[in-house]
Amino acid sequence: MSINGWEHYDLEKEIGNSNMAQLLELFKRESEKFSQECVKYVDSNGKLTMDERKKVEEKCTFLNEARMKVALEVAERMTDITRIQHQVIPNR
């Protein structure tokens, strides 16, 4: 998997258009995809070649990154981080 910066574009767009309830559902969806891929990896690990293993590991990493992006957005919204940032660094 070549990384070019656009890997999570659709997810980020979906995150930006979601309210908090939708974000929580989005996190559950992304977590489920991650869990399914990890289970698949563990179940077939002994049967995979090194190249196949590397591809599955990269996919798991990609899916985990997606989960973290959603989780970070949830945390930022719940703590109202933008309000705090504006208080610490006032606009000039």
PDB file of N, CA and C in Angstrom:
ATOM      1  N   MET A   1       0.852  -1.173   0.000  1.00  0.00           N
ATOM      2  CA  MET A   1       0.000   0.000   0.000  1.00  0.00           C
ATOM      3  C   MET A   1       0.898   1.235   0.000  1.00  0.00           C
ATOM      4  N   SER A   2       0.803   2.038  -1.041  1.00  0.00           N
ATOM      5  CA  SER A   2       1.614   3.240  -1.085  1.00  0.00           C
ATOM      6  C   SER A   2       0.846   4.391  -0.418  1.00  0.00           C
ATOM      7  N   ILE A   3       1.532   5.111   0.421  1.00  0.00           N
ATOM      8  CA  ILE A   3       0.891   6.195   1.164  1.00  0.00           C
ATOM      9  C   ILE A   3       1.087   7.490   0.383  1.00  0.00           C
ATOM     10  N   ASN A   4      -0.026   8.155   0.052  1.00  0.00           N
ATOM     11  CA  ASN A   4       0.065   9.384  -0.726  1.00  0.00           C
ATOM     12  C   ASN A   4      -0.695  10.543  -0.091  1.00  0.00           C
ATOM     13  N   GLY A   5      -1.251  10.354   1.092  1.00  0.00           N
ATOM     14  CA  GLY A   5      -1.947  11.431   1.772  1.00  0.00           C
ATOM     15  C   GLY A   5      -3.446  11.462   1.568  1.00  0.00           C
ATOM     16  N   TRP A   6      -3.938  10.684   0.631  1.00  0.00           N
ATOM     17  CA  TRP A   6      -5.373  10.679   0.327  1.00  0.00           C
ATOM     18  C   TRP A   6      -6.075   9.449   0.891  1.00  0.00           C
ATOM     19  N   GLU A   7      -5.394   8.632   1.646  1.00  0.00           N
ATOM     20  CA  GLU A   7      -5.937   7.356   2.108  1.00  0.00           C
ATOM     21  C   GLU A   7      -7.240   7.506   2.883  1.00  0.00           C
ATOM     22  N   HIS A   8      -7.317   8.511   3.713  1.00  0.00           N
ATOM     23  CA  HIS A   8      -8.482   8.690   4.578  1.00  0.00           C
ATOM     24  C   HIS A   8      -9.373   9.853   4.140  1.00  0.00           C
ATOM     25  N   TYR A   9      -9.242  10.288   2.904  1.00  0.00           N
ATOM     26  CA  TYR A   9      -9.974  11.463   2.434  1.00  0.00           C
ATOM     27  C   TYR A   9     -11.482  11.312   2.615  1.00  0.00           C
ATOM     28  N   ASP A  10     -12.042  10.193   2.144  1.00  0.00           N
ATOM     29  CA  ASP A  10     -13.485   9.995   2.251  1.00  0.00           C
ATOM     30  C   ASP A  10     -13.937   9.946   3.710  1.00  0.00           C
ATOM     31  N   LEU A  11     -13.148   9.282   4.544  1.00  0.00           N
ATOM     32  CA  LEU A  11     -13.483   9.210   5.964  1.00  0.00           C
ATOM     33  C   LEU A  11     -13.446  10.598   6.597  1.00  0.00           C
ATOM     34  N   GLU A  12     -12.432  11.375   6.294  1.00  0.00           N
ATOM     35  CA  GLU A  12     -12.324  12.717   6.863  1.00  0.00           C
ATOM     36  C   GLU A  12     -13.488  13.593   6.413  1.00  0.00           C
ATOM     37  N   LYS A  13     -13.904  13.415   5.185  1.00  0.00           N
ATOM     38  CA  LYS A  13     -15.055  14.160   4.679  1.00  0.00           C
ATOM     39  C   LYS A  13     -16.314  13.754   5.457  1.00  0.00           C
ATOM     40  N   GLU A  14     -16.474  12.445   5.689  1.00  0.00           N
ATOM     41  CA  GLU A  14     -17.619  11.945   6.451  1.00  0.00           C
ATOM     42  C   GLU A  14     -17.578  12.450   7.889  1.00  0.00           C
ATOM     43  N   ILE A  15     -16.393  12.477   8.479  1.00  0.00           N
ATOM     44  CA  ILE A  15     -16.235  12.983   9.844  1.00  0.00           C
ATOM     45  C   ILE A  15     -16.674  14.444   9.910  1.00  0.00           C
ATOM     46  N   GLY A  16     -16.239  15.228   8.949  1.00  0.00           N
ATOM     47  CA  GLY A  16     -16.567  16.645   8.942  1.00  0.00           C
ATOM     48  C   GLY A  16     -18.053  16.932   8.808  1.00  0.00           C
ATOM     49  N   ASN A  17     -18.783  16.016   8.187  1.00  0.00           N
ATOM     50  CA  ASN A  17     -20.220  16.204   7.964  1.00  0.00           C
ATOM     51  C   ASN A  17     -21.079  15.515   9.025  1.00  0.00           C
ATOM     52  N   SER A  18     -20.465  14.973  10.059  1.00  0.00           N
ATOM     53  CA  SER A  18     -21.194  14.192  11.059  1.00  0.00           C
ATOM     54  C   SER A  18     -21.416  14.970  12.344  1.00  0.00           C
ATOM     55  N   ASN A  19     -22.568  14.695  12.976  1.00  0.00           N
ATOM     56  CA  ASN A  19     -22.780  15.214  14.322  1.00  0.00           C
ATOM     57  C   ASN A  19     -22.219  14.181  15.303  1.00  0.00           C
ATOM     58  N   MET A  20     -22.340  14.443  16.587  1.00  0.00           N
ATOM     59  CA  MET A  20     -21.721  13.559  17.578  1.00  0.00           C
ATOM     60  C   MET A  20     -22.275  12.138  17.522  1.00  0.00           C
ATOM     61  N   ALA A  21     -23.581  11.985  17.398  1.00  0.00           N
ATOM     62  CA  ALA A  21     -24.178  10.640  17.341  1.00  0.00           C
ATOM     63  C   ALA A  21     -23.666   9.886  16.116  1.00  0.00           C
ATOM     64  N   GLN A  22     -23.576  10.578  15.001  1.00  0.00           N
ATOM     65  CA  GLN A  22     -23.075   9.942  13.781  1.00  0.00           C
ATOM     66  C   GLN A  22     -21.603   9.579  13.925  1.00  0.00           C
ATOM     67  N   LEU A  23     -20.848  10.421  14.623  1.00  0.00           N
ATOM     68  CA  LEU A  23     -19.430  10.112  14.860  1.00  0.00           C
ATOM     69  C   LEU A  23     -19.275   8.842  15.690  1.00  0.00           C
ATOM     70  N   LEU A  24     -20.115   8.692  16.692  1.00  0.00           N
ATOM     71  CA  LEU A  24     -20.033   7.490  17.526  1.00  0.00           C
ATOM     72  C   LEU A  24     -20.362   6.241  16.712  1.00  0.00           C
ATOM     73  N   GLU A  25     -21.353   6.344  15.836  1.00  0.00           N
ATOM     74  CA  GLU A  25     -21.682   5.221  14.954  1.00  0.00           C
ATOM     75  C   GLU A  25     -20.546   4.957  13.974  1.00  0.00           C
ATOM     76  N   LEU A  26     -19.931   6.008  13.501  1.00  0.00           N
ATOM     77  CA  LEU A  26     -18.805   5.890  12.599  1.00  0.00           C
ATOM     78  C   LEU A  26     -17.638   5.191  13.283  1.00  0.00           C
ATOM     79  N   PHE A  27     -17.397   5.539  14.547  1.00  0.00           N
ATOM     80  CA  PHE A  27     -16.337   4.877  15.300  1.00  0.00           C
ATOM     81  C   PHE A  27     -16.633   3.390  15.462  1.00  0.00           C
ATOM     82  N   LYS A  28     -17.880   3.074  15.771  1.00  0.00           N
ATOM     83  CA  LYS A  28     -18.251   1.661  15.913  1.00  0.00           C
ATOM     84  C   LYS A  28     -18.041   0.914  14.597  1.00  0.00           C
ATOM     85  N   ARG A  29     -18.414   1.538  13.484  1.00  0.00           N
ATOM     86  CA  ARG A  29     -18.249   0.911  12.169  1.00  0.00           C
ATOM     87  C   ARG A  29     -16.776   0.669  11.859  1.00  0.00           C
ATOM     88  N   GLU A  30     -15.947   1.683  12.079  1.00  0.00           N
ATOM     89  CA  GLU A  30     -14.522   1.547  11.794  1.00  0.00           C
ATOM     90  C   GLU A  30     -13.855   0.542  12.732  1.00  0.00           C
ATOM     91  N   SER A  31     -14.291   0.500  13.972  1.00  0.00           N
ATOM     92  CA  SER A  31     -13.758  -0.482  14.924  1.00  0.00           C
ATOM     93  C   SER A  31     -14.117  -1.900  14.510  1.00  0.00           C
ATOM     94  N   GLU A  32     -15.324  -2.076  14.014  1.00  0.00           N
ATOM     95  CA  GLU A  32     -15.765  -3.400  13.559  1.00  0.00           C
ATOM     96  C   GLU A  32     -14.932  -3.859  12.365  1.00  0.00           C
ATOM     97  N   LYS A  33     -14.671  -2.952  11.422  1.00  0.00           N
ATOM     98  CA  LYS A  33     -13.842  -3.300  10.262  1.00  0.00           C
ATOM     99  C   LYS A  33     -12.438  -3.703  10.718  1.00  0.00           C
ATOM    100  N   PHE A  34     -11.885  -2.942  11.671  1.00  0.00           N
ATOM    101  CA  PHE A  34     -10.565  -3.242  12.208  1.00  0.00           C
ATOM    102  C   PHE A  34     -10.553  -4.599  12.900  1.00  0.00           C
ATOM    103  N   SER A  35     -11.547  -4.861  13.724  1.00  0.00           N
ATOM    104  CA  SER A  35     -11.628  -6.131  14.456  1.00  0.00           C
ATOM    105  C   SER A  35     -11.749  -7.312  13.508  1.00  0.00           C
ATOM    106  N   GLN A  36     -12.583  -7.185  12.490  1.00  0.00           N
ATOM    107  CA  GLN A  36     -12.761  -8.269  11.527  1.00  0.00           C
ATOM    108  C   GLN A  36     -11.460  -8.581  10.798  1.00  0.00           C
ATOM    109  N   GLU A  37     -10.736  -7.564  10.411  1.00  0.00           N
ATOM    110  CA  GLU A  37      -9.473  -7.779   9.703  1.00  0.00           C
ATOM    111  C   GLU A  37      -8.439  -8.418  10.626  1.00  0.00           C
ATOM    112  N   CYS A  38      -8.401  -8.007  11.889  1.00  0.00           N
ATOM    113  CA  CYS A  38      -7.452  -8.583  12.844  1.00  0.00           C
ATOM    114  C   CYS A  38      -7.762 -10.061  13.100  1.00  0.00           C
ATOM    115  N   VAL A  39      -9.042 -10.390  13.221  1.00  0.00           N
ATOM    116  CA  VAL A  39      -9.435 -11.788  13.427  1.00  0.00           C
ATOM    117  C   VAL A  39      -9.039 -12.618  12.212  1.00  0.00           C
ATOM    118  N   LYS A  40      -9.275 -12.066  11.026  1.00  0.00           N
ATOM    119  CA  LYS A  40      -8.903 -12.759   9.800  1.00  0.00           C
ATOM    120  C   LYS A  40      -7.395 -13.009   9.764  1.00  0.00           C
ATOM    121  N   TYR A  41      -6.635 -12.017  10.199  1.00  0.00           N
ATOM    122  CA  TYR A  41      -5.178 -12.132  10.227  1.00  0.00           C
ATOM    123  C   TYR A  41      -4.730 -13.234  11.183  1.00  0.00           C
ATOM    124  N   VAL A  42      -5.285 -13.233  12.375  1.00  0.00           N
ATOM    125  CA  VAL A  42      -4.900 -14.232  13.373  1.00  0.00           C
ATOM    126  C   VAL A  42      -5.297 -15.637  12.913  1.00  0.00           C
ATOM    127  N   ASP A  43      -6.492 -15.768  12.349  1.00  0.00           N
ATOM    128  CA  ASP A  43      -6.967 -17.076  11.900  1.00  0.00           C
ATOM    129  C   ASP A  43      -6.131 -17.652  10.763  1.00  0.00           C
ATOM    130  N   SER A  44      -5.611 -16.808   9.901  1.00  0.00           N
ATOM    131  CA  SER A  44      -4.900 -17.318   8.728  1.00  0.00           C
ATOM    132  C   SER A  44      -3.408 -17.022   8.759  1.00  0.00           C
ATOM    133  N   ASN A  45      -2.893 -16.538   9.855  1.00  0.00           N
ATOM    134  CA  ASN A  45      -1.499 -16.122   9.950  1.00  0.00           C
ATOM    135  C   ASN A  45      -0.530 -17.240   9.565  1.00  0.00           C
ATOM    136  N   GLY A  46      -0.780 -18.442  10.007  1.00  0.00           N
ATOM    137  CA  GLY A  46       0.114 -19.554   9.712  1.00  0.00           C
ATOM    138  C   GLY A  46       0.107 -19.959   8.251  1.00  0.00           C
ATOM    139  N   LYS A  47      -0.934 -19.612   7.518  1.00  0.00           N
ATOM    140  CA  LYS A  47      -1.071 -20.000   6.121  1.00  0.00           C
ATOM    141  C   LYS A  47      -0.555 -18.933   5.155  1.00  0.00           C
ATOM    142  N   LEU A  48      -0.276 -17.746   5.660  1.00  0.00           N
ATOM    143  CA  LEU A  48       0.103 -16.629   4.804  1.00  0.00           C
ATOM    144  C   LEU A  48       1.596 -16.602   4.526  1.00  0.00           C
ATOM    145  N   THR A  49       1.942 -16.159   3.331  1.00  0.00           N
ATOM    146  CA  THR A  49       3.347 -15.926   3.020  1.00  0.00           C
ATOM    147  C   THR A  49       3.765 -14.618   3.681  1.00  0.00           C
ATOM    148  N   MET A  50       5.044 -14.328   3.681  1.00  0.00           N
ATOM    149  CA  MET A  50       5.529 -13.088   4.295  1.00  0.00           C
ATOM    150  C   MET A  50       4.934 -11.869   3.595  1.00  0.00           C
ATOM    151  N   ASP A  51       4.831 -11.903   2.277  1.00  0.00           N
ATOM    152  CA  ASP A  51       4.244 -10.775   1.538  1.00  0.00           C
ATOM    153  C   ASP A  51       2.770 -10.604   1.880  1.00  0.00           C
ATOM    154  N   GLU A  52       2.040 -11.704   1.957  1.00  0.00           N
ATOM    155  CA  GLU A  52       0.616 -11.644   2.312  1.00  0.00           C
ATOM    156  C   GLU A  52       0.445 -11.107   3.732  1.00  0.00           C
ATOM    157  N   ARG A  53       1.305 -11.557   4.639  1.00  0.00           N
ATOM    158  CA  ARG A  53       1.257 -11.083   6.018  1.00  0.00           C
ATOM    159  C   ARG A  53       1.483  -9.573   6.090  1.00  0.00           C
ATOM    160  N   LYS A  54       2.460  -9.117   5.312  1.00  0.00           N
ATOM    161  CA  LYS A  54       2.770  -7.688   5.306  1.00  0.00           C
ATOM    162  C   LYS A  54       1.579  -6.884   4.794  1.00  0.00           C
ATOM    163  N   LYS A  55       0.920  -7.366   3.753  1.00  0.00           N
ATOM    164  CA  LYS A  55      -0.244  -6.661   3.206  1.00  0.00           C
ATOM    165  C   LYS A  55      -1.374  -6.589   4.222  1.00  0.00           C
ATOM    166  N   VAL A  56      -1.622  -7.696   4.926  1.00  0.00           N
ATOM    167  CA  VAL A  56      -2.693  -7.706   5.932  1.00  0.00           C
ATOM    168  C   VAL A  56      -2.336  -6.780   7.089  1.00  0.00           C
ATOM    169  N   GLU A  57      -1.069  -6.786   7.493  1.00  0.00           N
ATOM    170  CA  GLU A  57      -0.631  -5.895   8.571  1.00  0.00           C
ATOM    171  C   GLU A  57      -0.794  -4.433   8.169  1.00  0.00           C
ATOM    172  N   GLU A  58      -0.477  -4.102   6.916  1.00  0.00           N
ATOM    173  CA  GLU A  58      -0.653  -2.737   6.425  1.00  0.00           C
ATOM    174  C   GLU A  58      -2.134  -2.342   6.426  1.00  0.00           C
ATOM    175  N   LYS A  59      -2.983  -3.289   6.043  1.00  0.00           N
ATOM    176  CA  LYS A  59      -4.420  -2.998   6.042  1.00  0.00           C
ATOM    177  C   LYS A  59      -4.913  -2.774   7.468  1.00  0.00           C
ATOM    178  N   CYS A  60      -4.433  -3.584   8.401  1.00  0.00           N
ATOM    179  CA  CYS A  60      -4.821  -3.407   9.811  1.00  0.00           C
ATOM    180  C   CYS A  60      -4.348  -2.047  10.326  1.00  0.00           C
ATOM    181  N   THR A  61      -3.155  -1.656   9.964  1.00  0.00           N
ATOM    182  CA  THR A  61      -2.630  -0.351  10.365  1.00  0.00           C
ATOM    183  C   THR A  61      -3.496   0.765   9.794  1.00  0.00           C
ATOM    184  N   PHE A  62      -3.864   0.649   8.531  1.00  0.00           N
ATOM    185  CA  PHE A  62      -4.715   1.622   7.870  1.00  0.00           C
ATOM    186  C   PHE A  62      -6.070   1.729   8.576  1.00  0.00           C
ATOM    187  N   LEU A  63      -6.668   0.582   8.896  1.00  0.00           N
ATOM    188  CA  LEU A  63      -7.968   0.586   9.564  1.00  0.00           C
ATOM    189  C   LEU A  63      -7.868   1.155  10.973  1.00  0.00           C
ATOM    190  N   ASN A  64      -6.774   0.890  11.650  1.00  0.00           N
ATOM    191  CA  ASN A  64      -6.585   1.443  12.990  1.00  0.00           C
ATOM    192  C   ASN A  64      -6.401   2.962  12.928  1.00  0.00           C
ATOM    193  N   GLU A  65      -5.708   3.445  11.900  1.00  0.00           N
ATOM    194  CA  GLU A  65      -5.571   4.891  11.721  1.00  0.00           C
ATOM    195  C   GLU A  65      -6.938   5.543  11.562  1.00  0.00           C
ATOM    196  N   ALA A  66      -7.824   4.880  10.813  1.00  0.00           N
ATOM    197  CA  ALA A  66      -9.179   5.409  10.609  1.00  0.00           C
ATOM    198  C   ALA A  66      -9.912   5.510  11.942  1.00  0.00           C
ATOM    199  N   ARG A  67      -9.810   4.468  12.756  1.00  0.00           N
ATOM    200  CA  ARG A  67     -10.441   4.487  14.086  1.00  0.00           C
ATOM    201  C   ARG A  67      -9.914   5.648  14.909  1.00  0.00           C
ATOM    202  N   MET A  68      -8.591   5.848  14.877  1.00  0.00           N
ATOM    203  CA  MET A  68      -7.980   6.907  15.673  1.00  0.00           C
ATOM    204  C   MET A  68      -8.424   8.292  15.205  1.00  0.00           C
ATOM    205  N   LYS A  69      -8.593   8.466  13.906  1.00  0.00           N
ATOM    206  CA  LYS A  69      -9.069   9.757  13.392  1.00  0.00           C
ATOM    207  C   LYS A  69     -10.460  10.080  13.933  1.00  0.00           C
ATOM    208  N   VAL A  70     -11.330   9.090  13.930  1.00  0.00           N
ATOM    209  CA  VAL A  70     -12.690   9.302  14.436  1.00  0.00           C
ATOM    210  C   VAL A  70     -12.643   9.552  15.943  1.00  0.00           C
ATOM    211  N   ALA A  71     -11.863   8.758  16.660  1.00  0.00           N
ATOM    212  CA  ALA A  71     -11.771   8.911  18.117  1.00  0.00           C
ATOM    213  C   ALA A  71     -11.228  10.287  18.491  1.00  0.00           C
ATOM    214  N   LEU A  72     -10.254  10.772  17.749  1.00  0.00           N
ATOM    215  CA  LEU A  72      -9.696  12.090  18.030  1.00  0.00           C
ATOM    216  C   LEU A  72     -10.741  13.179  17.817  1.00  0.00           C
ATOM    217  N   GLU A  73     -11.520  13.053  16.766  1.00  0.00           N
ATOM    218  CA  GLU A  73     -12.571  14.044  16.511  1.00  0.00           C
ATOM    219  C   GLU A  73     -13.617  14.030  17.628  1.00  0.00           C
ATOM    220  N   VAL A  74     -13.987  12.836  18.081  1.00  0.00           N
ATOM    221  CA  VAL A  74     -14.947  12.724  19.190  1.00  0.00           C
ATOM    222  C   VAL A  74     -14.379  13.409  20.429  1.00  0.00           C
ATOM    223  N   ALA A  75     -13.124  13.109  20.745  1.00  0.00           N
ATOM    224  CA  ALA A  75     -12.498  13.700  21.927  1.00  0.00           C
ATOM    225  C   ALA A  75     -12.420  15.217  21.811  1.00  0.00           C
ATOM    226  N   GLU A  76     -12.053  15.717  20.637  1.00  0.00           N
ATOM    227  CA  GLU A  76     -11.952  17.165  20.466  1.00  0.00           C
ATOM    228  C   GLU A  76     -13.308  17.842  20.615  1.00  0.00           C
ATOM    229  N   ARG A  77     -14.339  17.231  20.063  1.00  0.00           N
ATOM    230  CA  ARG A  77     -15.669  17.830  20.187  1.00  0.00           C
ATOM    231  C   ARG A  77     -16.180  17.760  21.615  1.00  0.00           C
ATOM    232  N   MET A  78     -15.894  16.666  22.300  1.00  0.00           N
ATOM    233  CA  MET A  78     -16.387  16.525  23.668  1.00  0.00           C
ATOM    234  C   MET A  78     -15.688  17.479  24.623  1.00  0.00           C
ATOM    235  N   THR A  79     -14.451  17.816  24.335  1.00  0.00           N
ATOM    236  CA  THR A  79     -13.711  18.714  25.214  1.00  0.00           C
ATOM    237  C   THR A  79     -13.701  20.138  24.698  1.00  0.00           C
ATOM    238  N   ASP A  80     -14.332  20.360  23.561  1.00  0.00           N
ATOM    239  CA  ASP A  80     -14.410  21.686  22.939  1.00  0.00           C
ATOM    240  C   ASP A  80     -13.022  22.280  22.808  1.00  0.00           C
ATOM    241  N   ILE A  81     -12.120  21.514  22.236  1.00  0.00           N
ATOM    242  CA  ILE A  81     -10.710  21.878  22.136  1.00  0.00           C
ATOM    243  C   ILE A  81     -10.501  23.191  21.381  1.00  0.00           C
ATOM    244  N   THR A  82     -11.350  23.505  20.397  1.00  0.00           N
ATOM    245  CA  THR A  82     -11.155  24.749  19.644  1.00  0.00           C
ATOM    246  C   THR A  82     -11.358  25.967  20.540  1.00  0.00           C
ATOM    247  N   ARG A  83     -12.307  25.913  21.447  1.00  0.00           N
ATOM    248  CA  ARG A  83     -12.535  27.017  22.378  1.00  0.00           C
ATOM    249  C   ARG A  83     -11.306  27.203  23.263  1.00  0.00           C
ATOM    250  N   ILE A  84     -10.738  26.100  23.727  1.00  0.00           N
ATOM    251  CA  ILE A  84      -9.560  26.155  24.597  1.00  0.00           C
ATOM    252  C   ILE A  84      -8.370  26.710  23.832  1.00  0.00           C
ATOM    253  N   GLN A  85      -8.181  26.295  22.584  1.00  0.00           N
ATOM    254  CA  GLN A  85      -7.058  26.777  21.783  1.00  0.00           C
ATOM    255  C   GLN A  85      -7.147  28.283  21.572  1.00  0.00           C
ATOM    256  N   HIS A  86      -8.345  28.800  21.349  1.00  0.00           N
ATOM    257  CA  HIS A  86      -8.502  30.235  21.131  1.00  0.00           C
ATOM    258  C   HIS A  86      -8.222  31.030  22.405  1.00  0.00           C
ATOM    259  N   GLN A  87      -8.444  30.442  23.560  1.00  0.00           N
ATOM    260  CA  GLN A  87      -8.168  31.134  24.807  1.00  0.00           C
ATOM    261  C   GLN A  87      -6.667  31.166  25.088  1.00  0.00           C
ATOM    262  N   VAL A  88      -5.973  30.093  24.719  1.00  0.00           N
ATOM    263  CA  VAL A  88      -4.534  30.004  24.959  1.00  0.00           C
ATOM    264  C   VAL A  88      -3.770  30.857  23.959  1.00  0.00           C
ATOM    265  N   ILE A  89      -4.181  30.803  22.693  1.00  0.00           N
ATOM    266  CA  ILE A  89      -3.500  31.556  21.643  1.00  0.00           C
ATOM    267  C   ILE A  89      -4.499  32.554  21.062  1.00  0.00           C
ATOM    268  N   PRO A  90      -4.572  33.734  21.621  1.00  0.00           N
ATOM    269  CA  PRO A  90      -5.557  34.710  21.127  1.00  0.00           C
ATOM    270  C   PRO A  90      -5.208  35.179  19.727  1.00  0.00           C
ATOM    271  N   ASN A  91      -6.226  35.498  18.961  1.00  0.00           N
ATOM    272  CA  ASN A  91      -6.039  36.043  17.622  1.00  0.00           C
ATOM    273  C   ASN A  91      -5.448  37.448  17.715  1.00  0.00           C
ATOM    274  N   ARG A  92      -4.598  37.782  16.821  1.00  0.00           N
ATOM    275  CA  ARG A  92      -3.961  39.102  16.848  1.00  0.00           C
ATOM    276  C   ARG A  92      -4.556  39.985  15.800  1.00  0.00           C
TER     277      ARG A  92
END
